[in-house]
Amino acid sequence: MRSLIVKSAMAGAVLLLASGTARASDVLQVNVPFSFQVGKEMFPAGRYMVEEESLTGSSVLLIRGMQTPQAAFVLTETAAGQGPGKPALQFDHRENQYRLTGVWEAPGEGRTIIPHK
């Protein structure tokens, strides 16, 4: 079961590659071809901007729709391991639903979303 979850998460990361570069302005522009969940909110398929706001001791990401009104702030922590070779979003896929779990700016430079409790 754990193996399946890990494979689903990495498949999501490889499935969606960001357009543009992450470091140029700390903003990723991405096209997500499926609906997904961020925290407790659902986002439809579409184009999104992901921006990083650094605070003392933690990092906050703002995910907002470029063509839809959806937006959410999420707390993150430094991701462990290596990510894909390009900027990418990472998703966990369970029961026909995608949940955003991380953002990778470059290999070794990623953020894991801290889940809501």
PDB file of N, CA and C in Angstrom:
ATOM      1  N   MET A   1       0.827  -1.189   0.000  1.00  0.00           N
ATOM      2  CA  MET A   1       0.000   0.000   0.000  1.00  0.00           C
ATOM      3  C   MET A   1       0.871   1.252   0.000  1.00  0.00           C
ATOM      4  N   ARG A   2       1.892   1.284   0.854  1.00  0.00           N
ATOM      5  CA  ARG A   2       2.773   2.454   0.909  1.00  0.00           C
ATOM      6  C   ARG A   2       3.459   2.666  -0.431  1.00  0.00           C
ATOM      7  N   SER A   3       3.858   1.578  -1.060  1.00  0.00           N
ATOM      8  CA  SER A   3       4.504   1.659  -2.369  1.00  0.00           C
ATOM      9  C   SER A   3       3.579   2.310  -3.390  1.00  0.00           C
ATOM     10  N   LEU A   4       2.303   1.967  -3.350  1.00  0.00           N
ATOM     11  CA  LEU A   4       1.319   2.534  -4.265  1.00  0.00           C
ATOM     12  C   LEU A   4       1.179   4.036  -4.043  1.00  0.00           C
ATOM     13  N   ILE A   5       1.164   4.468  -2.804  1.00  0.00           N
ATOM     14  CA  ILE A   5       1.037   5.892  -2.484  1.00  0.00           C
ATOM     15  C   ILE A   5       2.247   6.661  -2.991  1.00  0.00           C
ATOM     16  N   VAL A   6       3.432   6.135  -2.763  1.00  0.00           N
ATOM     17  CA  VAL A   6       4.654   6.789  -3.228  1.00  0.00           C
ATOM     18  C   VAL A   6       4.657   6.879  -4.747  1.00  0.00           C
ATOM     19  N   LYS A   7       4.289   5.805  -5.429  1.00  0.00           N
ATOM     20  CA  LYS A   7       4.244   5.817  -6.889  1.00  0.00           C
ATOM     21  C   LYS A   7       3.232   6.834  -7.390  1.00  0.00           C
ATOM     22  N   SER A   8       2.071   6.935  -6.740  1.00  0.00           N
ATOM     23  CA  SER A   8       1.058   7.900  -7.150  1.00  0.00           C
ATOM     24  C   SER A   8       1.553   9.320  -6.986  1.00  0.00           C
ATOM     25  N   ALA A   9       2.228   9.582  -5.891  1.00  0.00           N
ATOM     26  CA  ALA A   9       2.738  10.931  -5.639  1.00  0.00           C
ATOM     27  C   ALA A   9       3.776  11.310  -6.679  1.00  0.00           C
ATOM     28  N   MET A  10       4.692  10.420  -6.985  1.00  0.00           N
ATOM     29  CA  MET A  10       5.726  10.737  -7.955  1.00  0.00           C
ATOM     30  C   MET A  10       5.156  10.822  -9.364  1.00  0.00           C
ATOM     31  N   ALA A  11       4.163  10.002  -9.673  1.00  0.00           N
ATOM     32  CA  ALA A  11       3.523  10.091 -10.982  1.00  0.00           C
ATOM     33  C   ALA A  11       2.883  11.458 -11.142  1.00  0.00           C
ATOM     34  N   GLY A  12       2.284  11.972 -10.102  1.00  0.00           N
ATOM     35  CA  GLY A  12       1.699  13.305 -10.152  1.00  0.00           C
ATOM     36  C   GLY A  12       2.747  14.362 -10.375  1.00  0.00           C
ATOM     37  N   ALA A  13       3.893  14.210  -9.755  1.00  0.00           N
ATOM     38  CA  ALA A  13       4.978  15.192  -9.912  1.00  0.00           C
ATOM     39  C   ALA A  13       5.493  15.186 -11.347  1.00  0.00           C
ATOM     40  N   VAL A  14       5.619  14.021 -11.935  1.00  0.00           N
ATOM     41  CA  VAL A  14       6.127  13.926 -13.294  1.00  0.00           C
ATOM     42  C   VAL A  14       5.062  14.362 -14.286  1.00  0.00           C
ATOM     43  N   LEU A  15       3.797  14.126 -13.971  1.00  0.00           N
ATOM     44  CA  LEU A  15       2.696  14.449 -14.869  1.00  0.00           C
ATOM     45  C   LEU A  15       2.595  15.933 -15.138  1.00  0.00           C
ATOM     46  N   LEU A  16       2.842  16.761 -14.142  1.00  0.00           N
ATOM     47  CA  LEU A  16       2.642  18.194 -14.287  1.00  0.00           C
ATOM     48  C   LEU A  16       3.961  18.924 -14.167  1.00  0.00           C
ATOM     49  N   LEU A  17       4.455  19.450 -15.244  1.00  0.00           N
ATOM     50  CA  LEU A  17       5.682  20.227 -15.216  1.00  0.00           C
ATOM     51  C   LEU A  17       5.332  21.695 -15.366  1.00  0.00           C
ATOM     52  N   ALA A  18       6.004  22.519 -14.625  1.00  0.00           N
ATOM     53  CA  ALA A  18       5.741  23.955 -14.657  1.00  0.00           C
ATOM     54  C   ALA A  18       6.324  24.562 -15.926  1.00  0.00           C
ATOM     55  N   SER A  19       5.680  25.632 -16.371  1.00  0.00           N
ATOM     56  CA  SER A  19       6.237  26.364 -17.501  1.00  0.00           C
ATOM     57  C   SER A  19       6.984  27.564 -16.951  1.00  0.00           C
ATOM     58  N   GLY A  20       8.177  27.792 -17.429  1.00  0.00           N
ATOM     59  CA  GLY A  20       8.975  28.895 -16.917  1.00  0.00           C
ATOM     60  C   GLY A  20       9.924  28.392 -15.849  1.00  0.00           C
ATOM     61  N   THR A  21      10.593  29.318 -15.185  1.00  0.00           N
ATOM     62  CA  THR A  21      11.537  28.945 -14.148  1.00  0.00           C
ATOM     63  C   THR A  21      11.066  29.445 -12.805  1.00  0.00           C
ATOM     64  N   ALA A  22      11.453  28.761 -11.759  1.00  0.00           N
ATOM     65  CA  ALA A  22      11.006  29.108 -10.417  1.00  0.00           C
ATOM     66  C   ALA A  22      11.808  30.249  -9.822  1.00  0.00           C
ATOM     67  N   ARG A  23      13.093  30.283 -10.044  1.00  0.00           N
ATOM     68  CA  ARG A  23      13.947  31.244  -9.368  1.00  0.00           C
ATOM     69  C   ARG A  23      13.877  32.649  -9.954  1.00  0.00           C
ATOM     70  N   ALA A  24      13.397  32.808 -11.164  1.00  0.00           N
ATOM     71  CA  ALA A  24      13.407  34.123 -11.795  1.00  0.00           C
ATOM     72  C   ALA A  24      12.688  35.149 -10.933  1.00  0.00           C
ATOM     73  N   SER A  25      11.535  34.818 -10.397  1.00  0.00           N
ATOM     74  CA  SER A  25      10.815  35.776  -9.559  1.00  0.00           C
ATOM     75  C   SER A  25      10.092  35.081  -8.412  1.00  0.00           C
ATOM     76  N   ASP A  26      10.481  33.847  -8.092  1.00  0.00           N
ATOM     77  CA  ASP A  26       9.815  33.048  -7.064  1.00  0.00           C
ATOM     78  C   ASP A  26       8.336  32.839  -7.368  1.00  0.00           C
ATOM     79  N   VAL A  27       7.984  32.799  -8.634  1.00  0.00           N
ATOM     80  CA  VAL A  27       6.609  32.541  -9.068  1.00  0.00           C
ATOM     81  C   VAL A  27       6.647  31.440 -10.120  1.00  0.00           C
ATOM     82  N   LEU A  28       5.853  30.399  -9.904  1.00  0.00           N
ATOM     83  CA  LEU A  28       5.675  29.350 -10.908  1.00  0.00           C
ATOM     84  C   LEU A  28       4.331  29.568 -11.576  1.00  0.00           C
ATOM     85  N   GLN A  29       4.284  29.437 -12.883  1.00  0.00           N
ATOM     86  CA  GLN A  29       3.017  29.420 -13.602  1.00  0.00           C
ATOM     87  C   GLN A  29       2.832  28.001 -14.106  1.00  0.00           C
ATOM     88  N   VAL A  30       1.707  27.392 -13.747  1.00  0.00           N
ATOM     89  CA  VAL A  30       1.485  25.993 -14.096  1.00  0.00           C
ATOM     90  C   VAL A  30       0.115  25.802 -14.716  1.00  0.00           C
ATOM     91  N   ASN A  31       0.020  24.788 -15.552  1.00  0.00           N
ATOM     92  CA  ASN A  31      -1.250  24.384 -16.124  1.00  0.00           C
ATOM     93  C   ASN A  31      -1.576  23.016 -15.545  1.00  0.00           C
ATOM     94  N   VAL A  32      -2.624  22.926 -14.752  1.00  0.00           N
ATOM     95  CA  VAL A  32      -3.013  21.668 -14.119  1.00  0.00           C
ATOM     96  C   VAL A  32      -4.173  21.081 -14.925  1.00  0.00           C
ATOM     97  N   PRO A  33      -4.004  19.906 -15.525  1.00  0.00           N
ATOM     98  CA  PRO A  33      -5.028  19.344 -16.405  1.00  0.00           C
ATOM     99  C   PRO A  33      -6.163  18.595 -15.690  1.00  0.00           C
ATOM    100  N   PHE A  34      -6.218  18.668 -14.372  1.00  0.00           N
ATOM    101  CA  PHE A  34      -7.251  17.962 -13.611  1.00  0.00           C
ATOM    102  C   PHE A  34      -7.615  18.784 -12.383  1.00  0.00           C
ATOM    103  N   SER A  35      -8.779  18.539 -11.807  1.00  0.00           N
ATOM    104  CA  SER A  35      -9.152  19.224 -10.571  1.00  0.00           C
ATOM    105  C   SER A  35      -8.323  18.637  -9.423  1.00  0.00           C
ATOM    106  N   PHE A  36      -8.097  19.463  -8.397  1.00  0.00           N
ATOM    107  CA  PHE A  36      -7.258  19.021  -7.292  1.00  0.00           C
ATOM    108  C   PHE A  36      -7.646  19.747  -6.019  1.00  0.00           C
ATOM    109  N   GLN A  37      -7.181  19.225  -4.910  1.00  0.00           N
ATOM    110  CA  GLN A  37      -7.491  19.779  -3.601  1.00  0.00           C
ATOM    111  C   GLN A  37      -6.240  20.409  -3.003  1.00  0.00           C
ATOM    112  N   VAL A  38      -6.424  21.587  -2.414  1.00  0.00           N
ATOM    113  CA  VAL A  38      -5.370  22.266  -1.662  1.00  0.00           C
ATOM    114  C   VAL A  38      -5.954  22.521  -0.280  1.00  0.00           C
ATOM    115  N   GLY A  39      -5.394  21.877   0.725  1.00  0.00           N
ATOM    116  CA  GLY A  39      -5.997  21.973   2.052  1.00  0.00           C
ATOM    117  C   GLY A  39      -7.383  21.364   2.013  1.00  0.00           C
ATOM    118  N   LYS A  40      -8.378  22.174   2.324  1.00  0.00           N
ATOM    119  CA  LYS A  40      -9.768  21.699   2.308  1.00  0.00           C
ATOM    120  C   LYS A  40     -10.554  22.243   1.121  1.00  0.00           C
ATOM    121  N   GLU A  41      -9.880  22.961   0.234  1.00  0.00           N
ATOM    122  CA  GLU A  41     -10.554  23.608  -0.892  1.00  0.00           C
ATOM    123  C   GLU A  41     -10.266  22.890  -2.205  1.00  0.00           C
ATOM    124  N   MET A  42     -11.302  22.793  -3.059  1.00  0.00           N
ATOM    125  CA  MET A  42     -11.154  22.182  -4.380  1.00  0.00           C
ATOM    126  C   MET A  42     -10.849  23.252  -5.419  1.00  0.00           C
ATOM    127  N   PHE A  43      -9.937  22.926  -6.334  1.00  0.00           N
ATOM    128  CA  PHE A  43      -9.559  23.805  -7.422  1.00  0.00           C
ATOM    129  C   PHE A  43      -9.860  23.091  -8.735  1.00  0.00           C
ATOM    130  N   PRO A  44     -10.478  23.769  -9.706  1.00  0.00           N
ATOM    131  CA  PRO A  44     -10.725  23.126 -11.000  1.00  0.00           C
ATOM    132  C   PRO A  44      -9.456  23.068 -11.835  1.00  0.00           C
ATOM    133  N   ALA A  45      -9.472  22.262 -12.873  1.00  0.00           N
ATOM    134  CA  ALA A  45      -8.354  22.245 -13.817  1.00  0.00           C
ATOM    135  C   ALA A  45      -8.173  23.649 -14.368  1.00  0.00           C
ATOM    136  N   GLY A  46      -6.931  24.029 -14.642  1.00  0.00           N
ATOM    137  CA  GLY A  46      -6.694  25.358 -15.204  1.00  0.00           C
ATOM    138  C   GLY A  46      -5.287  25.843 -14.946  1.00  0.00           C
ATOM    139  N   ARG A  47      -5.080  27.137 -15.220  1.00  0.00           N
ATOM    140  CA  ARG A  47      -3.768  27.766 -15.044  1.00  0.00           C
ATOM    141  C   ARG A  47      -3.688  28.408 -13.669  1.00  0.00           C
ATOM    142  N   TYR A  48      -2.533  28.194 -13.007  1.00  0.00           N
ATOM    143  CA  TYR A  48      -2.341  28.705 -11.647  1.00  0.00           C
ATOM    144  C   TYR A  48      -0.965  29.334 -11.494  1.00  0.00           C
ATOM    145  N   MET A  49      -0.883  30.266 -10.565  1.00  0.00           N
ATOM    146  CA  MET A  49       0.388  30.846 -10.155  1.00  0.00           C
ATOM    147  C   MET A  49       0.660  30.358  -8.745  1.00  0.00           C
ATOM    148  N   VAL A  50       1.910  29.974  -8.484  1.00  0.00           N
ATOM    149  CA  VAL A  50       2.325  29.545  -7.158  1.00  0.00           C
ATOM    150  C   VAL A  50       3.450  30.491  -6.743  1.00  0.00           C
ATOM    151  N   GLU A  51       3.219  31.232  -5.655  1.00  0.00           N
ATOM    152  CA  GLU A  51       4.192  32.218  -5.179  1.00  0.00           C
ATOM    153  C   GLU A  51       4.628  31.864  -3.769  1.00  0.00           C
ATOM    154  N   GLU A  52       5.893  32.064  -3.480  1.00  0.00           N
ATOM    155  CA  GLU A  52       6.422  31.770  -2.149  1.00  0.00           C
ATOM    156  C   GLU A  52       6.575  33.060  -1.356  1.00  0.00           C
ATOM    157  N   GLU A  53       6.095  33.024  -0.128  1.00  0.00           N
ATOM    158  CA  GLU A  53       6.251  34.125   0.816  1.00  0.00           C
ATOM    159  C   GLU A  53       6.987  33.567   2.017  1.00  0.00           C
ATOM    160  N   SER A  54       8.197  34.018   2.264  1.00  0.00           N
ATOM    161  CA  SER A  54       8.979  33.508   3.390  1.00  0.00           C
ATOM    162  C   SER A  54       8.695  34.305   4.652  1.00  0.00           C
ATOM    163  N   LEU A  55       8.464  33.584   5.721  1.00  0.00           N
ATOM    164  CA  LEU A  55       8.252  34.168   7.039  1.00  0.00           C
ATOM    165  C   LEU A  55       9.293  33.595   7.983  1.00  0.00           C
ATOM    166  N   THR A  56       9.444  34.169   9.131  1.00  0.00           N
ATOM    167  CA  THR A  56      10.406  33.669  10.108  1.00  0.00           C
ATOM    168  C   THR A  56      10.041  32.243  10.516  1.00  0.00           C
ATOM    169  N   GLY A  57      10.932  31.301  10.223  1.00  0.00           N
ATOM    170  CA  GLY A  57      10.748  29.925  10.654  1.00  0.00           C
ATOM    171  C   GLY A  57       9.853  29.070   9.785  1.00  0.00           C
ATOM    172  N   SER A  58       9.162  29.635   8.818  1.00  0.00           N
ATOM    173  CA  SER A  58       8.309  28.817   7.963  1.00  0.00           C
ATOM    174  C   SER A  58       8.171  29.484   6.600  1.00  0.00           C
ATOM    175  N   SER A  59       7.575  28.795   5.698  1.00  0.00           N
ATOM    176  CA  SER A  59       7.350  29.315   4.366  1.00  0.00           C
ATOM    177  C   SER A  59       5.885  29.116   4.009  1.00  0.00           C
ATOM    178  N   VAL A  60       5.318  30.122   3.395  1.00  0.00           N
ATOM    179  CA  VAL A  60       3.917  30.085   2.990  1.00  0.00           C
ATOM    180  C   VAL A  60       3.864  30.179   1.476  1.00  0.00           C
ATOM    181  N   LEU A  61       3.045  29.337   0.857  1.00  0.00           N
ATOM    182  CA  LEU A  61       2.813  29.417  -0.572  1.00  0.00           C
ATOM    183  C   LEU A  61       1.417  29.953  -0.819  1.00  0.00           C
ATOM    184  N   LEU A  62       1.297  30.795  -1.836  1.00  0.00           N
ATOM    185  CA  LEU A  62       0.001  31.259  -2.307  1.00  0.00           C
ATOM    186  C   LEU A  62      -0.238  30.588  -3.646  1.00  0.00           C
ATOM    187  N   ILE A  63      -1.330  29.841  -3.740  1.00  0.00           N
ATOM    188  CA  ILE A  63      -1.736  29.213  -4.987  1.00  0.00           C
ATOM    189  C   ILE A  63      -2.987  29.953  -5.436  1.00  0.00           C
ATOM    190  N   ARG A  64      -2.949  30.554  -6.635  1.00  0.00           N
ATOM    191  CA  ARG A  64      -4.129  31.295  -7.095  1.00  0.00           C
ATOM    192  C   ARG A  64      -4.374  31.063  -8.571  1.00  0.00           C
ATOM    193  N   GLY A  65      -5.658  31.012  -8.910  1.00  0.00           N
ATOM    194  CA  GLY A  65      -6.063  30.783 -10.283  1.00  0.00           C
ATOM    195  C   GLY A  65      -5.816  31.994 -11.155  1.00  0.00           C
ATOM    196  N   MET A  66      -5.389  31.747 -12.384  1.00  0.00           N
ATOM    197  CA  MET A  66      -5.179  32.834 -13.333  1.00  0.00           C
ATOM    198  C   MET A  66      -6.460  33.112 -14.115  1.00  0.00           C
ATOM    199  N   GLN A  67      -7.354  32.121 -14.174  1.00  0.00           N
ATOM    200  CA  GLN A  67      -8.609  32.272 -14.905  1.00  0.00           C
ATOM    201  C   GLN A  67      -9.810  31.948 -14.021  1.00  0.00           C
ATOM    202  N   THR A  68      -9.565  31.629 -12.763  1.00  0.00           N
ATOM    203  CA  THR A  68     -10.630  31.296 -11.819  1.00  0.00           C
ATOM    204  C   THR A  68     -10.379  32.062 -10.515  1.00  0.00           C
ATOM    205  N   PRO A  69     -11.382  32.206  -9.668  1.00  0.00           N
ATOM    206  CA  PRO A  69     -11.201  32.960  -8.421  1.00  0.00           C
ATOM    207  C   PRO A  69     -10.554  32.158  -7.286  1.00  0.00           C
ATOM    208  N   GLN A  70     -10.228  30.897  -7.493  1.00  0.00           N
ATOM    209  CA  GLN A  70      -9.662  30.067  -6.432  1.00  0.00           C
ATOM    210  C   GLN A  70      -8.301  30.591  -5.988  1.00  0.00           C
ATOM    211  N   ALA A  71      -8.104  30.580  -4.663  1.00  0.00           N
ATOM    212  CA  ALA A  71      -6.813  30.948  -4.087  1.00  0.00           C
ATOM    213  C   ALA A  71      -6.714  30.328  -2.705  1.00  0.00           C
ATOM    214  N   ALA A  72      -5.490  29.994  -2.304  1.00  0.00           N
ATOM    215  CA  ALA A  72      -5.269  29.427  -0.975  1.00  0.00           C
ATOM    216  C   ALA A  72      -3.844  29.698  -0.533  1.00  0.00           C
ATOM    217  N   PHE A  73      -3.680  29.952   0.763  1.00  0.00           N
ATOM    218  CA  PHE A  73      -2.371  30.034   1.387  1.00  0.00           C
ATOM    219  C   PHE A  73      -2.129  28.712   2.090  1.00  0.00           C
ATOM    220  N   VAL A  74      -0.922  28.155   1.963  1.00  0.00           N
ATOM    221  CA  VAL A  74      -0.582  26.904   2.646  1.00  0.00           C
ATOM    222  C   VAL A  74       0.780  27.028   3.304  1.00  0.00           C
ATOM    223  N   LEU A  75       0.904  26.437   4.477  1.00  0.00           N
ATOM    224  CA  LEU A  75       2.196  26.373   5.159  1.00  0.00           C
ATOM    225  C   LEU A  75       2.996  25.218   4.578  1.00  0.00           C
ATOM    226  N   THR A  76       4.307  25.416   4.467  1.00  0.00           N
ATOM    227  CA  THR A  76       5.163  24.370   3.919  1.00  0.00           C
ATOM    228  C   THR A  76       6.411  24.206   4.771  1.00  0.00           C
ATOM    229  N   GLU A  77       7.108  23.109   4.517  1.00  0.00           N
ATOM    230  CA  GLU A  77       8.409  22.855   5.118  1.00  0.00           C
ATOM    231  C   GLU A  77       9.319  22.316   4.024  1.00  0.00           C
ATOM    232  N   THR A  78      10.601  22.323   4.269  1.00  0.00           N
ATOM    233  CA  THR A  78      11.563  21.843   3.285  1.00  0.00           C
ATOM    234  C   THR A  78      11.311  20.368   2.991  1.00  0.00           C
ATOM    235  N   ALA A  79      11.264  20.032   1.707  1.00  0.00           N
ATOM    236  CA  ALA A  79      11.027  18.649   1.290  1.00  0.00           C
ATOM    237  C   ALA A  79      12.327  17.853   1.385  1.00  0.00           C
ATOM    238  N   ALA A  80      12.183  16.577   1.680  1.00  0.00           N
ATOM    239  CA  ALA A  80      13.336  15.676   1.746  1.00  0.00           C
ATOM    240  C   ALA A  80      13.532  15.009   0.389  1.00  0.00           C
ATOM    241  N   GLY A  81      14.763  14.704   0.052  1.00  0.00           N
ATOM    242  CA  GLY A  81      15.046  13.946  -1.158  1.00  0.00           C
ATOM    243  C   GLY A  81      15.218  14.812  -2.382  1.00  0.00           C
ATOM    244  N   GLN A  82      15.193  14.157  -3.522  1.00  0.00           N
ATOM    245  CA  GLN A  82      15.354  14.806  -4.812  1.00  0.00           C
ATOM    246  C   GLN A  82      14.018  14.862  -5.537  1.00  0.00           C
ATOM    247  N   GLY A  83      13.733  15.961  -6.158  1.00  0.00           N
ATOM    248  CA  GLY A  83      12.525  16.101  -6.953  1.00  0.00           C
ATOM    249  C   GLY A  83      12.829  15.873  -8.420  1.00  0.00           C
ATOM    250  N   PRO A  84      11.877  16.172  -9.278  1.00  0.00           N
ATOM    251  CA  PRO A  84      12.093  16.030 -10.718  1.00  0.00           C
ATOM    252  C   PRO A  84      13.134  17.041 -11.212  1.00  0.00           C
ATOM    253  N   GLY A  85      13.596  16.869 -12.424  1.00  0.00           N
ATOM    254  CA  GLY A  85      14.625  17.720 -12.989  1.00  0.00           C
ATOM    255  C   GLY A  85      14.175  19.118 -13.354  1.00  0.00           C
ATOM    256  N   LYS A  86      12.868  19.375 -13.362  1.00  0.00           N
ATOM    257  CA  LYS A  86      12.312  20.685 -13.714  1.00  0.00           C
ATOM    258  C   LYS A  86      11.359  21.124 -12.612  1.00  0.00           C
ATOM    259  N   PRO A  87      11.010  22.409 -12.561  1.00  0.00           N
ATOM    260  CA  PRO A  87       9.992  22.839 -11.593  1.00  0.00           C
ATOM    261  C   PRO A  87       8.700  22.049 -11.815  1.00  0.00           C
ATOM    262  N   ALA A  88       8.070  21.628 -10.718  1.00  0.00           N
ATOM    263  CA  ALA A  88       6.877  20.786 -10.827  1.00  0.00           C
ATOM    264  C   ALA A  88       6.047  20.847  -9.556  1.00  0.00           C
ATOM    265  N   LEU A  89       4.771  20.563  -9.706  1.00  0.00           N
ATOM    266  CA  LEU A  89       3.898  20.353  -8.559  1.00  0.00           C
ATOM    267  C   LEU A  89       3.834  18.855  -8.307  1.00  0.00           C
ATOM    268  N   GLN A  90       3.691  18.475  -7.054  1.00  0.00           N
ATOM    269  CA  GLN A  90       3.607  17.066  -6.677  1.00  0.00           C
ATOM    270  C   GLN A  90       2.231  16.815  -6.082  1.00  0.00           C
ATOM    271  N   PHE A  91       1.577  15.749  -6.533  1.00  0.00           N
ATOM    272  CA  PHE A  91       0.238  15.408  -6.080  1.00  0.00           C
ATOM    273  C   PHE A  91       0.201  13.989  -5.520  1.00  0.00           C
ATOM    274  N   ASP A  92      -0.717  13.778  -4.606  1.00  0.00           N
ATOM    275  CA  ASP A  92      -1.046  12.444  -4.121  1.00  0.00           C
ATOM    276  C   ASP A  92      -2.380  12.104  -4.768  1.00  0.00           C
ATOM    277  N   HIS A  93      -2.488  10.944  -5.396  1.00  0.00           N
ATOM    278  CA  HIS A  93      -3.715  10.541  -6.082  1.00  0.00           C
ATOM    279  C   HIS A  93      -4.351   9.376  -5.347  1.00  0.00           C
ATOM    280  N   ARG A  94      -5.530   9.623  -4.797  1.00  0.00           N
ATOM    281  CA  ARG A  94      -6.275   8.579  -4.080  1.00  0.00           C
ATOM    282  C   ARG A  94      -7.747   8.686  -4.422  1.00  0.00           C
ATOM    283  N   GLU A  95      -8.345   7.545  -4.700  1.00  0.00           N
ATOM    284  CA  GLU A  95      -9.798   7.465  -4.928  1.00  0.00           C
ATOM    285  C   GLU A  95     -10.299   8.551  -5.874  1.00  0.00           C
ATOM    286  N   ASN A  96      -9.702   8.634  -7.052  1.00  0.00           N
ATOM    287  CA  ASN A  96     -10.107   9.583  -8.094  1.00  0.00           C
ATOM    288  C   ASN A  96     -10.003  11.039  -7.679  1.00  0.00           C
ATOM    289  N   GLN A  97      -9.120  11.358  -6.755  1.00  0.00           N
ATOM    290  CA  GLN A  97      -8.940  12.735  -6.322  1.00  0.00           C
ATOM    291  C   GLN A  97      -7.446  13.030  -6.173  1.00  0.00           C
ATOM    292  N   TYR A  98      -7.047  14.195  -6.639  1.00  0.00           N
ATOM    293  CA  TYR A  98      -5.665  14.640  -6.509  1.00  0.00           C
ATOM    294  C   TYR A  98      -5.573  15.665  -5.389  1.00  0.00           C
ATOM    295  N   ARG A  99      -4.523  15.540  -4.573  1.00  0.00           N
ATOM    296  CA  ARG A  99      -4.263  16.496  -3.492  1.00  0.00           C
ATOM    297  C   ARG A  99      -2.845  17.024  -3.689  1.00  0.00           C
ATOM    298  N   LEU A 100      -2.719  18.360  -3.712  1.00  0.00           N
ATOM    299  CA  LEU A 100      -1.400  18.973  -3.846  1.00  0.00           C
ATOM    300  C   LEU A 100      -0.606  18.700  -2.575  1.00  0.00           C
ATOM    301  N   THR A 101       0.585  18.108  -2.726  1.00  0.00           N
ATOM    302  CA  THR A 101       1.409  17.754  -1.564  1.00  0.00           C
ATOM    303  C   THR A 101       2.756  18.457  -1.548  1.00  0.00           C
ATOM    304  N   GLY A 102       3.181  19.015  -2.679  1.00  0.00           N
ATOM    305  CA  GLY A 102       4.479  19.674  -2.692  1.00  0.00           C
ATOM    306  C   GLY A 102       4.728  20.476  -3.947  1.00  0.00           C
ATOM    307  N   VAL A 103       5.734  21.316  -3.862  1.00  0.00           N
ATOM    308  CA  VAL A 103       6.169  22.147  -4.990  1.00  0.00           C
ATOM    309  C   VAL A 103       7.685  22.022  -5.091  1.00  0.00           C
ATOM    310  N   TRP A 104       8.169  21.675  -6.273  1.00  0.00           N
ATOM    311  CA  TRP A 104       9.613  21.540  -6.511  1.00  0.00           C
ATOM    312  C   TRP A 104      10.061  22.651  -7.438  1.00  0.00           C
ATOM    313  N   GLU A 105      11.036  23.430  -6.986  1.00  0.00           N
ATOM    314  CA  GLU A 105      11.595  24.504  -7.806  1.00  0.00           C
ATOM    315  C   GLU A 105      12.743  23.979  -8.661  1.00  0.00           C
ATOM    316  N   ALA A 106      13.475  23.010  -8.131  1.00  0.00           N
ATOM    317  CA  ALA A 106      14.624  22.394  -8.804  1.00  0.00           C
ATOM    318  C   ALA A 106      14.940  21.108  -8.051  1.00  0.00           C
ATOM    319  N   PRO A 107      15.759  20.223  -8.623  1.00  0.00           N
ATOM    320  CA  PRO A 107      16.136  19.022  -7.875  1.00  0.00           C
ATOM    321  C   PRO A 107      16.771  19.412  -6.538  1.00  0.00           C
ATOM    322  N   GLY A 108      16.289  18.849  -5.470  1.00  0.00           N
ATOM    323  CA  GLY A 108      16.818  19.152  -4.138  1.00  0.00           C
ATOM    324  C   GLY A 108      16.268  20.416  -3.521  1.00  0.00           C
ATOM    325  N   GLU A 109      15.416  21.154  -4.230  1.00  0.00           N
ATOM    326  CA  GLU A 109      14.822  22.382  -3.716  1.00  0.00           C
ATOM    327  C   GLU A 109      13.308  22.279  -3.805  1.00  0.00           C
ATOM    328  N   GLY A 110      12.717  21.672  -2.802  1.00  0.00           N
ATOM    329  CA  GLY A 110      11.278  21.495  -2.806  1.00  0.00           C
ATOM    330  C   GLY A 110      10.641  21.870  -1.483  1.00  0.00           C
ATOM    331  N   ARG A 111       9.344  22.068  -1.506  1.00  0.00           N
ATOM    332  CA  ARG A 111       8.559  22.387  -0.325  1.00  0.00           C
ATOM    333  C   ARG A 111       7.445  21.356  -0.212  1.00  0.00           C
ATOM    334  N   THR A 112       7.254  20.807   0.986  1.00  0.00           N
ATOM    335  CA  THR A 112       6.151  19.880   1.260  1.00  0.00           C
ATOM    336  C   THR A 112       5.064  20.661   1.981  1.00  0.00           C
ATOM    337  N   ILE A 113       3.841  20.473   1.533  1.00  0.00           N
ATOM    338  CA  ILE A 113       2.721  21.172   2.170  1.00  0.00           C
ATOM    339  C   ILE A 113       2.384  20.489   3.481  1.00  0.00           C
ATOM    340  N   ILE A 114       2.249  21.277   4.537  1.00  0.00           N
ATOM    341  CA  ILE A 114       1.877  20.762   5.850  1.00  0.00           C
ATOM    342  C   ILE A 114       0.366  20.576   5.836  1.00  0.00           C
ATOM    343  N   PRO A 115      -0.127  19.325   6.030  1.00  0.00           N
ATOM    344  CA  PRO A 115      -1.570  19.071   5.945  1.00  0.00           C
ATOM    345  C   PRO A 115      -2.361  19.763   7.057  1.00  0.00           C
ATOM    346  N   HIS A 116      -3.605  20.136   6.714  1.00  0.00           N
ATOM    347  CA  HIS A 116      -4.530  20.681   7.715  1.00  0.00           C
ATOM    348  C   HIS A 116      -4.941  19.581   8.663  1.00  0.00           C
ATOM    349  N   LYS A 117      -5.199  19.929   9.896  1.00  0.00           N
ATOM    350  CA  LYS A 117      -5.673  18.931  10.871  1.00  0.00           C
ATOM    351  C   LYS A 117      -7.098  19.209  11.230  1.00  0.00           C
TER     352      LYS A 117
END
